[in-house]
Amino acid sequence: MKLLLLLLGGAKFGKLALTGGSMLLSIVAYAWLFGWTYAIGFVALLLIHEMGHYIAARQRGLDVGAPIFIPFVGAWIELKEMPHDAETEAYVGIAGPLIGTLGALGFYWAARATGSDLLLALAYSGFFLNLFNLIPVSPFDGGRISAVISPRLWLLGVPVLIALFLWRPSPLLILMAILAAPQVMQALRGFKTPEQQTYYLADAETRTTYALLYLGLAGFLAIMCHELHAALPRAF
C-alpha cells in the first residue's frame, strides 16, 4: 500500500512538473521576443483560460489532466474521457473563454488604474486570444460550443480561417485547418448514425442559451479588441 501511494504521489508530481516545466519553457520562449514581464503575463492568461476548461470538466465529472503548454502554439488540457453529449462538451468549451475573459478584464482594470501600457497590451492579448478561440470549428473552443447549437455551424469557421490566413499567414492556422478538416467533412456529410444524432441532441432552450452566450461573449470580445487596439501605443 505504501509503495502504491508513493507511485501515485510520484505520478502526480510528474504531472505538476510537466505543467510547470512547459509553462517555464513558454515564458522563456516568449521572453526572447517580448521581454520577461510580458511573457509572464501572457502565460498567466493562457493558464487562466485553461483552468476554466479544467474546472468545468471536473464539475461535469470528467477525468482531465493538468494544462500543458507549447510555445507559440498555446496550451490545452487533456480530456482522458470524452463528454457523453454535445451539451457537456459545450459547457467545458465555453468555460475557457469565459474565465479567460475575466482574466483579461483583470489586466484591463489594472491597466486603467495604473496607466500601464504593458498591462493594457496584456489585456488586449487576452481579449484577442479568447476571441480567436471562438472560431466556430473544432478544435477551437468555438467549435465545441457551436456543436450543441448546430454542428453545421462548423462550415462558417472555414471562411474565417481562410480570411485570417490571408490577413496574417501562419503555420498555426494551417495546423488548425488540418485538425478541423475531419469535422468539416462530417458536417458536410451530415450526422446520420444513431450515436451521432443522440450525441448532438439538445432541446431548444439549451441551444438558445448557448447561442446567446456564444454571440454575447464574441461580441463583447470583438468590441474590447477594437477599443484596446485603438488605445494601444504604436510600440505595442
Protein backbone atom coordinates (compact mmCIF):
# COMPACT_ATOMS: atom_id res chain seq x y z
CA MET A 1 0.00 0.00 0.00
CA LYS A 2 2.83 2.40 0.88
CA LEU A 3 4.52 1.61 -2.44
CA LEU A 4 1.26 2.28 -4.32
CA LEU A 5 0.80 5.63 -2.56
CA LEU A 6 4.40 6.54 -3.34
CA LEU A 7 3.91 5.72 -7.01
CA LEU A 8 0.69 7.71 -7.16
CA GLY A 9 2.38 10.64 -5.46
CA GLY A 10 5.22 10.42 -7.96
CA ALA A 11 2.76 10.38 -10.86
CA LYS A 12 1.01 13.49 -9.54
CA PHE A 13 4.36 15.22 -9.04
CA GLY A 14 5.34 14.28 -12.59
CA LYS A 15 2.15 15.86 -13.98
CA LEU A 16 2.74 19.05 -11.98
CA ALA A 17 6.36 19.10 -13.11
CA LEU A 18 5.25 18.75 -16.73
CA THR A 19 2.81 21.64 -16.36
CA GLY A 20 5.32 23.82 -14.53
CA GLY A 21 8.15 22.92 -16.87
CA SER A 22 6.14 23.60 -20.01
CA MET A 23 4.98 26.91 -18.52
CA LEU A 24 8.58 27.91 -17.79
CA LEU A 25 9.65 26.91 -21.29
CA SER A 26 6.86 29.04 -22.77
CA ILE A 27 7.83 32.02 -20.61
CA VAL A 28 11.46 31.75 -21.77
CA ALA A 29 10.38 31.48 -25.41
CA TYR A 30 8.01 34.46 -25.25
CA ALA A 31 10.52 36.48 -23.21
CA TRP A 32 13.06 36.08 -26.01
CA LEU A 33 10.77 38.09 -28.28
CA PHE A 34 8.67 40.25 -25.96
CA GLY A 35 10.52 40.54 -22.66
CA TRP A 36 10.08 38.78 -19.31
CA THR A 37 7.24 40.84 -17.90
CA TYR A 38 5.01 40.43 -20.93
CA ALA A 39 5.90 36.73 -21.20
CA ILE A 40 4.89 36.00 -17.61
CA GLY A 41 1.62 37.90 -18.03
CA PHE A 42 0.77 36.19 -21.30
CA VAL A 43 1.42 32.68 -19.96
CA ALA A 44 -0.70 33.60 -16.92
CA LEU A 45 -3.55 34.47 -19.32
CA LEU A 46 -3.16 31.09 -21.03
CA LEU A 47 -3.22 29.36 -17.65
CA ILE A 48 -6.40 31.20 -16.58
CA HIS A 49 -8.10 30.19 -19.85
CA GLU A 50 -7.13 26.54 -19.48
CA MET A 51 -8.12 26.41 -15.82
CA GLY A 52 -11.60 27.45 -16.92
CA HIS A 53 -11.76 24.27 -19.02
CA TYR A 54 -10.22 22.22 -16.21
CA ILE A 55 -12.69 23.36 -13.56
CA ALA A 56 -15.68 22.89 -15.88
CA ALA A 57 -14.55 19.39 -16.83
CA ARG A 58 -14.17 18.43 -13.18
CA GLN A 59 -17.61 19.88 -12.42
CA ARG A 60 -19.08 17.53 -15.02
CA GLY A 61 -17.22 14.55 -13.56
CA LEU A 62 -14.76 14.14 -16.44
CA ASP A 63 -11.25 12.81 -15.89
CA VAL A 64 -8.94 15.59 -17.03
CA GLY A 65 -5.22 16.24 -16.98
CA ALA A 66 -3.38 19.39 -15.91
CA PRO A 67 -2.65 22.06 -18.56
CA ILE A 68 0.28 21.55 -20.93
CA PHE A 69 1.96 24.50 -22.69
CA ILE A 70 3.72 24.65 -26.06
CA PRO A 71 5.48 27.90 -27.00
CA PHE A 72 3.85 29.82 -29.88
CA VAL A 73 1.05 27.23 -30.08
CA GLY A 74 -0.75 27.76 -26.79
CA ALA A 75 -1.91 25.34 -24.13
CA TRP A 76 -4.51 22.66 -23.62
CA ILE A 77 -5.88 20.22 -21.08
CA GLU A 78 -6.15 16.53 -21.85
CA LEU A 79 -9.64 15.07 -21.52
CA LYS A 80 -8.95 11.48 -20.54
CA GLU A 81 -12.59 10.63 -21.16
CA MET A 82 -14.77 12.25 -23.77
CA PRO A 83 -18.00 14.11 -22.93
CA HIS A 84 -21.13 11.99 -23.23
CA ASP A 85 -23.10 14.62 -25.15
CA ALA A 86 -22.64 17.90 -27.02
CA GLU A 87 -24.02 19.97 -24.15
CA THR A 88 -21.28 18.75 -21.80
CA GLU A 89 -18.68 19.43 -24.49
CA ALA A 90 -20.08 22.95 -24.95
CA TYR A 91 -20.08 23.54 -21.18
CA VAL A 92 -16.39 22.65 -20.95
CA GLY A 93 -15.65 24.53 -24.17
CA ILE A 94 -17.20 27.86 -23.20
CA ALA A 95 -15.70 27.87 -19.70
CA GLY A 96 -12.21 28.60 -21.06
CA PRO A 97 -13.15 31.79 -22.95
CA LEU A 98 -15.46 32.93 -20.13
CA ILE A 99 -12.84 32.59 -17.37
CA GLY A 100 -10.15 33.79 -19.77
CA THR A 101 -12.17 36.93 -20.46
CA LEU A 102 -12.42 37.60 -16.73
CA GLY A 103 -8.64 37.26 -16.54
CA ALA A 104 -8.20 39.74 -19.39
CA LEU A 105 -10.62 42.12 -17.67
CA GLY A 106 -8.43 41.93 -14.57
CA PHE A 107 -5.44 43.09 -16.60
CA TYR A 108 -7.60 45.79 -18.22
CA TRP A 109 -8.79 47.19 -14.89
CA ALA A 110 -5.23 47.11 -13.54
CA ALA A 111 -4.04 48.96 -16.64
CA ARG A 112 -6.67 51.67 -16.21
CA ALA A 113 -5.83 52.02 -12.51
CA THR A 114 -2.07 52.29 -13.07
CA GLY A 115 -1.85 53.78 -16.56
CA SER A 116 0.41 50.88 -17.59
CA ASP A 117 0.71 50.36 -21.35
CA LEU A 118 2.18 46.90 -20.68
CA LEU A 119 -0.89 45.78 -18.74
CA LEU A 120 -3.10 47.26 -21.46
CA ALA A 121 -1.19 45.25 -24.06
CA LEU A 122 -1.66 42.10 -21.99
CA ALA A 123 -5.37 42.83 -21.66
CA TYR A 124 -5.61 43.19 -25.44
CA SER A 125 -3.75 39.90 -25.91
CA GLY A 126 -6.14 38.20 -23.51
CA PHE A 127 -9.23 39.50 -25.27
CA PHE A 128 -7.85 38.59 -28.69
CA LEU A 129 -6.77 35.13 -27.51
CA ASN A 130 -10.26 34.30 -26.28
CA LEU A 131 -11.93 35.78 -29.36
CA PHE A 132 -9.63 33.74 -31.60
CA ASN A 133 -10.66 30.61 -29.72
CA LEU A 134 -14.32 31.27 -30.52
CA ILE A 135 -13.87 30.49 -34.23
CA PRO A 136 -16.81 28.09 -34.83
CA VAL A 137 -14.91 25.00 -35.89
CA SER A 138 -13.25 22.24 -33.89
CA PRO A 139 -10.61 22.05 -32.39
CA PHE A 140 -11.25 25.68 -31.36
CA ASP A 141 -13.45 26.23 -28.33
CA GLY A 142 -15.99 27.86 -30.65
CA GLY A 143 -16.36 24.56 -32.48
CA ARG A 144 -17.16 22.77 -29.23
CA ILE A 145 -19.69 25.43 -28.25
CA SER A 146 -21.37 25.70 -31.65
CA ALA A 147 -21.75 21.90 -31.84
CA VAL A 148 -24.63 21.97 -29.35
CA ILE A 149 -26.31 24.78 -31.33
CA SER A 150 -25.80 23.01 -34.67
CA PRO A 151 -22.70 21.14 -35.90
CA ARG A 152 -23.30 22.65 -39.34
CA LEU A 153 -22.07 25.95 -37.91
CA TRP A 154 -18.60 24.45 -38.32
CA LEU A 155 -18.95 25.32 -42.00
CA LEU A 156 -18.88 29.00 -41.02
CA GLY A 157 -15.45 28.52 -39.47
CA VAL A 158 -13.87 27.67 -42.82
CA PRO A 159 -14.10 31.16 -44.39
CA VAL A 160 -12.98 32.65 -41.06
CA LEU A 161 -9.81 30.54 -41.10
CA ILE A 162 -9.18 31.42 -44.74
CA ALA A 163 -9.65 35.13 -44.07
CA LEU A 164 -7.29 35.01 -41.07
CA PHE A 165 -4.66 33.19 -43.12
CA LEU A 166 -4.88 35.75 -45.92
CA TRP A 167 -4.61 38.56 -43.32
CA ARG A 168 -1.80 37.01 -41.29
CA PRO A 169 -0.34 33.81 -42.83
CA SER A 170 0.68 31.44 -40.05
CA PRO A 171 1.74 27.78 -39.77
CA LEU A 172 -0.55 27.55 -36.72
CA LEU A 173 -3.58 28.36 -38.87
CA ILE A 174 -2.55 25.65 -41.34
CA LEU A 175 -2.28 23.16 -38.46
CA MET A 176 -5.71 24.17 -37.18
CA ALA A 177 -7.18 23.79 -40.66
CA ILE A 178 -5.76 20.26 -40.90
CA LEU A 179 -7.19 19.34 -37.50
CA ALA A 180 -10.55 20.88 -38.43
CA ALA A 181 -10.85 19.11 -41.79
CA PRO A 182 -12.45 15.84 -40.48
CA GLN A 183 -15.14 17.78 -38.58
CA VAL A 184 -15.87 19.98 -41.58
CA MET A 185 -16.21 16.93 -43.83
CA GLN A 186 -18.53 15.32 -41.28
CA ALA A 187 -20.67 18.47 -41.20
CA LEU A 188 -20.93 18.32 -45.00
CA ARG A 189 -21.93 14.64 -44.94
CA GLY A 190 -24.40 15.11 -42.10
CA PHE A 191 -24.87 13.23 -38.84
CA LYS A 192 -26.88 10.17 -39.70
CA THR A 193 -25.89 7.42 -37.27
CA PRO A 194 -27.97 6.93 -34.10
CA GLU A 195 -24.89 7.61 -31.96
CA GLN A 196 -24.24 10.94 -33.68
CA GLN A 197 -27.87 12.01 -33.50
CA THR A 198 -28.01 11.13 -29.79
CA TYR A 199 -24.75 12.95 -29.05
CA TYR A 200 -25.90 16.21 -30.67
CA LEU A 201 -29.45 16.00 -29.32
CA ALA A 202 -30.42 19.10 -27.32
CA ASP A 203 -33.65 20.93 -26.59
CA ALA A 204 -34.45 24.40 -27.90
CA GLU A 205 -33.78 26.09 -24.55
CA THR A 206 -30.27 24.62 -24.36
CA ARG A 207 -29.45 25.60 -27.94
CA THR A 208 -30.77 29.13 -27.40
CA THR A 209 -28.87 29.57 -24.13
CA TYR A 210 -25.55 28.58 -25.66
CA ALA A 211 -26.23 30.64 -28.78
CA LEU A 212 -26.82 33.77 -26.68
CA LEU A 213 -23.76 33.10 -24.53
CA TYR A 214 -21.61 32.49 -27.59
CA LEU A 215 -22.78 35.56 -29.51
CA GLY A 216 -22.70 37.79 -26.44
CA LEU A 217 -19.17 36.74 -25.49
CA ALA A 218 -17.90 37.03 -29.06
CA GLY A 219 -19.48 40.47 -29.44
CA PHE A 220 -18.01 41.72 -26.15
CA LEU A 221 -14.54 40.42 -27.02
CA ALA A 222 -14.69 41.96 -30.50
CA ILE A 223 -15.60 45.36 -29.02
CA MET A 224 -12.82 45.17 -26.43
CA CYS A 225 -10.25 44.15 -29.05
CA HIS A 226 -11.28 47.06 -31.27
CA GLU A 227 -11.21 49.58 -28.42
CA LEU A 228 -7.88 48.46 -27.00
CA HIS A 229 -6.20 48.19 -30.39
CA ALA A 230 -7.02 51.86 -30.97
CA ALA A 231 -5.84 52.82 -27.46
CA LEU A 232 -2.52 50.99 -27.51
CA PRO A 233 0.65 52.97 -28.29
CA ARG A 234 2.32 52.08 -31.58
CA ALA A 235 5.15 50.43 -29.67
CA PHE A 236 2.75 47.60 -28.87
